[in-house]
């Protein structure tokens, strides 16, 4: 039986070693990341007029609120263990709405086509744009993407949805 397996070349081995080192470095960055500080840095870059409200409860959960364009964006961090969650949301339309069945179909289609990791949902009888995930393995880039996605999608859609569907 003949084997076609070849020994990796020096450059292939170096590339694998570099990739492993980069992965290790990224994992170390995630392990030492301070989530509240990362969230505040992202919000500082997005907040209109640099006005940000922040609170922390006795259980260690944080809540930030800031304006981006014409929307208010909320960021909640339930704690700093792997099982805790980062949730970002923004209200875009109060319900009930005109042509509600048409609105729901439009939003479901947008969830499939254009919201990436965020989605439209109903919370407290309002349409929101939201995303959430556990913080296990969460990187600074993912924090930035989550907050930026929700803020941008909400700001792009709130005025149009209100004009077309508000009573």
C-alpha atoms as a PDB file:
ATOM      1  CA  UNK A   1       0.000   0.000   0.000  1.00  0.00           C
ATOM      2  CA  UNK A   2       1.402   3.352  -1.031  1.00  0.00           C
ATOM      3  CA  UNK A   3       0.729   6.565   0.823  1.00  0.00           C
ATOM      4  CA  UNK A   4       0.375   9.911  -0.938  1.00  0.00           C
ATOM      5  CA  UNK A   5       0.759  11.875   2.279  1.00  0.00           C
ATOM      6  CA  UNK A   6       3.648  14.272   2.011  1.00  0.00           C
ATOM      7  CA  UNK A   7       5.546  15.972   4.748  1.00  0.00           C
ATOM      8  CA  UNK A   8       4.603  19.636   5.091  1.00  0.00           C
ATOM      9  CA  UNK A   9       7.079  22.091   3.700  1.00  0.00           C
ATOM     10  CA  UNK A  10       8.832  24.526   5.962  1.00  0.00           C
ATOM     11  CA  UNK A  11       6.580  27.387   4.824  1.00  0.00           C
ATOM     12  CA  UNK A  12       3.428  25.332   5.481  1.00  0.00           C
ATOM     13  CA  UNK A  13       4.646  24.493   8.977  1.00  0.00           C
ATOM     14  CA  UNK A  14       5.478  28.155   9.615  1.00  0.00           C
ATOM     15  CA  UNK A  15       2.022  29.202   8.398  1.00  0.00           C
ATOM     16  CA  UNK A  16       0.363  26.685  10.734  1.00  0.00           C
ATOM     17  CA  UNK A  17       2.528  27.872  13.607  1.00  0.00           C
ATOM     18  CA  UNK A  18       1.662  31.518  12.895  1.00  0.00           C
ATOM     19  CA  UNK A  19      -2.055  30.666  12.706  1.00  0.00           C
ATOM     20  CA  UNK A  20      -1.856  28.800  16.013  1.00  0.00           C
ATOM     21  CA  UNK A  21      -0.066  31.747  17.617  1.00  0.00           C
ATOM     22  CA  UNK A  22      -2.693  34.180  16.304  1.00  0.00           C
ATOM     23  CA  UNK A  23      -5.486  31.964  17.625  1.00  0.00           C
ATOM     24  CA  UNK A  24      -3.784  31.724  21.008  1.00  0.00           C
ATOM     25  CA  UNK A  25      -3.338  35.512  21.091  1.00  0.00           C
ATOM     26  CA  UNK A  26      -7.013  36.063  20.230  1.00  0.00           C
ATOM     27  CA  UNK A  27      -8.088  33.605  22.942  1.00  0.00           C
ATOM     28  CA  UNK A  28      -5.866  35.387  25.468  1.00  0.00           C
ATOM     29  CA  UNK A  29      -7.402  38.743  24.470  1.00  0.00           C
ATOM     30  CA  UNK A  30     -10.889  37.322  24.998  1.00  0.00           C
ATOM     31  CA  UNK A  31      -9.921  35.801  28.357  1.00  0.00           C
ATOM     32  CA  UNK A  32      -8.524  39.088  29.690  1.00  0.00           C
ATOM     33  CA  UNK A  33     -11.178  41.370  28.181  1.00  0.00           C
ATOM     34  CA  UNK A  34     -13.146  43.662  30.478  1.00  0.00           C
ATOM     35  CA  UNK A  35     -16.645  43.597  28.927  1.00  0.00           C
ATOM     36  CA  UNK A  36     -17.976  46.789  30.554  1.00  0.00           C
ATOM     37  CA  UNK A  37     -14.917  48.754  29.400  1.00  0.00           C
ATOM     38  CA  UNK A  38     -15.211  47.390  25.851  1.00  0.00           C
ATOM     39  CA  UNK A  39     -18.925  48.242  25.738  1.00  0.00           C
ATOM     40  CA  UNK A  40     -18.272  51.766  26.982  1.00  0.00           C
ATOM     41  CA  UNK A  41     -15.547  52.270  24.367  1.00  0.00           C
ATOM     42  CA  UNK A  42     -17.914  51.226  21.563  1.00  0.00           C
ATOM     43  CA  UNK A  43     -20.749  53.390  22.872  1.00  0.00           C
ATOM     44  CA  UNK A  44     -18.422  56.387  23.217  1.00  0.00           C
ATOM     45  CA  UNK A  45     -17.743  56.161  19.496  1.00  0.00           C
ATOM     46  CA  UNK A  46     -21.415  55.888  18.534  1.00  0.00           C
ATOM     47  CA  UNK A  47     -23.373  58.031  21.001  1.00  0.00           C
ATOM     48  CA  UNK A  48     -24.928  61.169  19.573  1.00  0.00           C
ATOM     49  CA  UNK A  49     -23.771  64.202  21.595  1.00  0.00           C
ATOM     50  CA  UNK A  50     -21.736  61.784  23.769  1.00  0.00           C
ATOM     51  CA  UNK A  51     -24.681  61.480  26.188  1.00  0.00           C
ATOM     52  CA  UNK A  52     -24.762  58.036  27.764  1.00  0.00           C
ATOM     53  CA  UNK A  53     -26.714  56.761  30.759  1.00  0.00           C
ATOM     54  CA  UNK A  54     -25.317  53.776  32.628  1.00  0.00           C
ATOM     55  CA  UNK A  55     -26.434  51.845  35.660  1.00  0.00           C
ATOM     56  CA  UNK A  56     -25.442  48.733  37.574  1.00  0.00           C
ATOM     57  CA  UNK A  57     -27.639  46.725  39.924  1.00  0.00           C
ATOM     58  CA  UNK A  58     -26.677  44.758  43.039  1.00  0.00           C
ATOM     59  CA  UNK A  59     -26.429  41.506  41.070  1.00  0.00           C
ATOM     60  CA  UNK A  60     -23.727  43.006  38.840  1.00  0.00           C
ATOM     61  CA  UNK A  61     -25.820  43.589  35.715  1.00  0.00           C
ATOM     62  CA  UNK A  62     -25.119  46.720  33.682  1.00  0.00           C
ATOM     63  CA  UNK A  63     -27.494  48.752  31.515  1.00  0.00           C
ATOM     64  CA  UNK A  64     -26.393  51.480  29.114  1.00  0.00           C
ATOM     65  CA  UNK A  65     -28.679  53.804  27.160  1.00  0.00           C
ATOM     66  CA  UNK A  66     -27.580  56.166  24.404  1.00  0.00           C
ATOM     67  CA  UNK A  67     -28.905  57.919  21.307  1.00  0.00           C
ATOM     68  CA  UNK A  68     -27.764  57.034  17.822  1.00  0.00           C
ATOM     69  CA  UNK A  69     -29.347  59.091  15.077  1.00  0.00           C
ATOM     70  CA  UNK A  70     -33.076  59.095  15.772  1.00  0.00           C
ATOM     71  CA  UNK A  71     -33.170  56.015  18.048  1.00  0.00           C
ATOM     72  CA  UNK A  72     -32.365  55.142  21.640  1.00  0.00           C
ATOM     73  CA  UNK A  73     -30.165  52.082  21.994  1.00  0.00           C
ATOM     74  CA  UNK A  74     -30.006  49.906  25.106  1.00  0.00           C
ATOM     75  CA  UNK A  75     -27.147  47.565  26.003  1.00  0.00           C
ATOM     76  CA  UNK A  76     -27.517  45.109  28.875  1.00  0.00           C
ATOM     77  CA  UNK A  77     -24.746  42.941  30.297  1.00  0.00           C
ATOM     78  CA  UNK A  78     -26.111  40.522  32.913  1.00  0.00           C
ATOM     79  CA  UNK A  79     -22.697  39.883  34.483  1.00  0.00           C
ATOM     80  CA  UNK A  80     -19.185  38.813  33.588  1.00  0.00           C
ATOM     81  CA  UNK A  81     -19.256  35.008  33.727  1.00  0.00           C
ATOM     82  CA  UNK A  82     -19.336  32.849  30.602  1.00  0.00           C
ATOM     83  CA  UNK A  83     -23.059  32.153  31.125  1.00  0.00           C
ATOM     84  CA  UNK A  84     -24.024  35.830  31.335  1.00  0.00           C
ATOM     85  CA  UNK A  85     -25.450  37.581  28.287  1.00  0.00           C
ATOM     86  CA  UNK A  86     -24.972  40.691  26.214  1.00  0.00           C
ATOM     87  CA  UNK A  87     -28.265  42.011  24.839  1.00  0.00           C
ATOM     88  CA  UNK A  88     -28.569  45.056  22.585  1.00  0.00           C
ATOM     89  CA  UNK A  89     -31.943  46.465  21.500  1.00  0.00           C
ATOM     90  CA  UNK A  90     -33.669  49.546  20.162  1.00  0.00           C
ATOM     91  CA  UNK A  91     -37.395  50.285  19.895  1.00  0.00           C
ATOM     92  CA  UNK A  92     -38.497  51.316  16.401  1.00  0.00           C
ATOM     93  CA  UNK A  93     -42.330  51.193  16.336  1.00  0.00           C
ATOM     94  CA  UNK A  94     -45.171  51.016  18.868  1.00  0.00           C
ATOM     95  CA  UNK A  95     -47.942  48.486  18.315  1.00  0.00           C
ATOM     96  CA  UNK A  96     -50.693  48.211  17.240  1.00  0.00           C
ATOM     97  CA  UNK A  97     -49.738  49.414  13.781  1.00  0.00           C
ATOM     98  CA  UNK A  98     -51.473  50.074  10.479  1.00  0.00           C
ATOM     99  CA  UNK A  99     -51.398  47.128   8.090  1.00  0.00           C
ATOM    100  CA  UNK A 100     -49.954  44.966  10.829  1.00  0.00           C
ATOM    101  CA  UNK A 101     -50.023  41.703   8.831  1.00  0.00           C
ATOM    102  CA  UNK A 102     -48.110  43.386   5.994  1.00  0.00           C
ATOM    103  CA  UNK A 103     -45.677  44.853   8.522  1.00  0.00           C
ATOM    104  CA  UNK A 104     -45.005  41.454  10.109  1.00  0.00           C
ATOM    105  CA  UNK A 105     -44.346  39.857   6.727  1.00  0.00           C
ATOM    106  CA  UNK A 106     -41.970  42.694   5.794  1.00  0.00           C
ATOM    107  CA  UNK A 107     -40.059  42.363   9.069  1.00  0.00           C
ATOM    108  CA  UNK A 108     -39.774  38.576   8.791  1.00  0.00           C
ATOM    109  CA  UNK A 109     -38.388  38.983   5.273  1.00  0.00           C
ATOM    110  CA  UNK A 110     -35.892  41.565   6.550  1.00  0.00           C
ATOM    111  CA  UNK A 111     -34.839  39.137   9.307  1.00  0.00           C
ATOM    112  CA  UNK A 112     -33.903  36.655   6.602  1.00  0.00           C
ATOM    113  CA  UNK A 113     -32.331  39.071   4.135  1.00  0.00           C
ATOM    114  CA  UNK A 114     -30.732  42.024   5.846  1.00  0.00           C
ATOM    115  CA  UNK A 115     -30.309  42.002   9.613  1.00  0.00           C
ATOM    116  CA  UNK A 116     -27.236  39.756   9.981  1.00  0.00           C
ATOM    117  CA  UNK A 117     -26.977  38.647  13.645  1.00  0.00           C
ATOM    118  CA  UNK A 118     -29.691  41.102  14.722  1.00  0.00           C
ATOM    119  CA  UNK A 119     -33.415  40.644  14.163  1.00  0.00           C
ATOM    120  CA  UNK A 120     -36.729  42.422  14.412  1.00  0.00           C
ATOM    121  CA  UNK A 121     -38.885  41.200  17.298  1.00  0.00           C
ATOM    122  CA  UNK A 122     -41.763  42.272  19.544  1.00  0.00           C
ATOM    123  CA  UNK A 123     -40.967  43.359  23.113  1.00  0.00           C
ATOM    124  CA  UNK A 124     -43.367  45.229  25.417  1.00  0.00           C
ATOM    125  CA  UNK A 125     -45.870  45.641  22.548  1.00  0.00           C
ATOM    126  CA  UNK A 126     -43.265  47.395  20.399  1.00  0.00           C
ATOM    127  CA  UNK A 127     -41.164  46.400  17.408  1.00  0.00           C
ATOM    128  CA  UNK A 128     -37.479  46.290  18.337  1.00  0.00           C
ATOM    129  CA  UNK A 129     -34.227  45.497  16.628  1.00  0.00           C
ATOM    130  CA  UNK A 130     -32.205  43.223  18.908  1.00  0.00           C
ATOM    131  CA  UNK A 131     -29.347  40.830  19.263  1.00  0.00           C
ATOM    132  CA  UNK A 132     -28.140  38.771  22.200  1.00  0.00           C
ATOM    133  CA  UNK A 133     -25.611  36.089  23.039  1.00  0.00           C
ATOM    134  CA  UNK A 134     -23.688  34.664  25.956  1.00  0.00           C
ATOM    135  CA  UNK A 135     -20.368  36.311  26.682  1.00  0.00           C
ATOM    136  CA  UNK A 136     -18.410  33.055  26.571  1.00  0.00           C
ATOM    137  CA  UNK A 137     -15.774  33.579  23.886  1.00  0.00           C
ATOM    138  CA  UNK A 138     -17.068  37.062  23.101  1.00  0.00           C
ATOM    139  CA  UNK A 139     -14.419  39.257  21.495  1.00  0.00           C
ATOM    140  CA  UNK A 140     -14.141  43.053  21.451  1.00  0.00           C
ATOM    141  CA  UNK A 141     -14.922  42.962  17.714  1.00  0.00           C
ATOM    142  CA  UNK A 142     -18.149  41.030  18.380  1.00  0.00           C
ATOM    143  CA  UNK A 143     -19.213  43.551  21.026  1.00  0.00           C
ATOM    144  CA  UNK A 144     -18.614  46.369  18.571  1.00  0.00           C
ATOM    145  CA  UNK A 145     -20.466  44.570  15.776  1.00  0.00           C
ATOM    146  CA  UNK A 146     -23.499  43.764  17.947  1.00  0.00           C
ATOM    147  CA  UNK A 147     -23.947  47.324  19.184  1.00  0.00           C
ATOM    148  CA  UNK A 148     -23.231  48.885  15.789  1.00  0.00           C
ATOM    149  CA  UNK A 149     -25.602  46.520  13.943  1.00  0.00           C
ATOM    150  CA  UNK A 150     -28.551  47.189  16.221  1.00  0.00           C
ATOM    151  CA  UNK A 151     -27.978  50.955  16.282  1.00  0.00           C
ATOM    152  CA  UNK A 152     -27.558  51.213  12.516  1.00  0.00           C
ATOM    153  CA  UNK A 153     -30.449  48.930  11.535  1.00  0.00           C
ATOM    154  CA  UNK A 154     -32.804  50.623  14.008  1.00  0.00           C
ATOM    155  CA  UNK A 155     -31.818  54.103  12.832  1.00  0.00           C
ATOM    156  CA  UNK A 156     -32.231  53.115   9.166  1.00  0.00           C
ATOM    157  CA  UNK A 157     -35.727  51.678   9.715  1.00  0.00           C
ATOM    158  CA  UNK A 158     -37.479  53.594  12.523  1.00  0.00           C
ATOM    159  CA  UNK A 159     -38.559  56.679  10.553  1.00  0.00           C
ATOM    160  CA  UNK A 160     -39.777  54.658   7.559  1.00  0.00           C
ATOM    161  CA  UNK A 161     -41.680  52.155   9.706  1.00  0.00           C
ATOM    162  CA  UNK A 162     -43.291  54.926  11.747  1.00  0.00           C
ATOM    163  CA  UNK A 163     -44.285  56.868   8.616  1.00  0.00           C
ATOM    164  CA  UNK A 164     -45.835  53.792   6.992  1.00  0.00           C
ATOM    165  CA  UNK A 165     -47.355  52.017  10.000  1.00  0.00           C
ATOM    166  CA  UNK A 166     -48.008  54.391  12.930  1.00  0.00           C
ATOM    167  CA  UNK A 167     -51.563  55.434  13.728  1.00  0.00           C
END
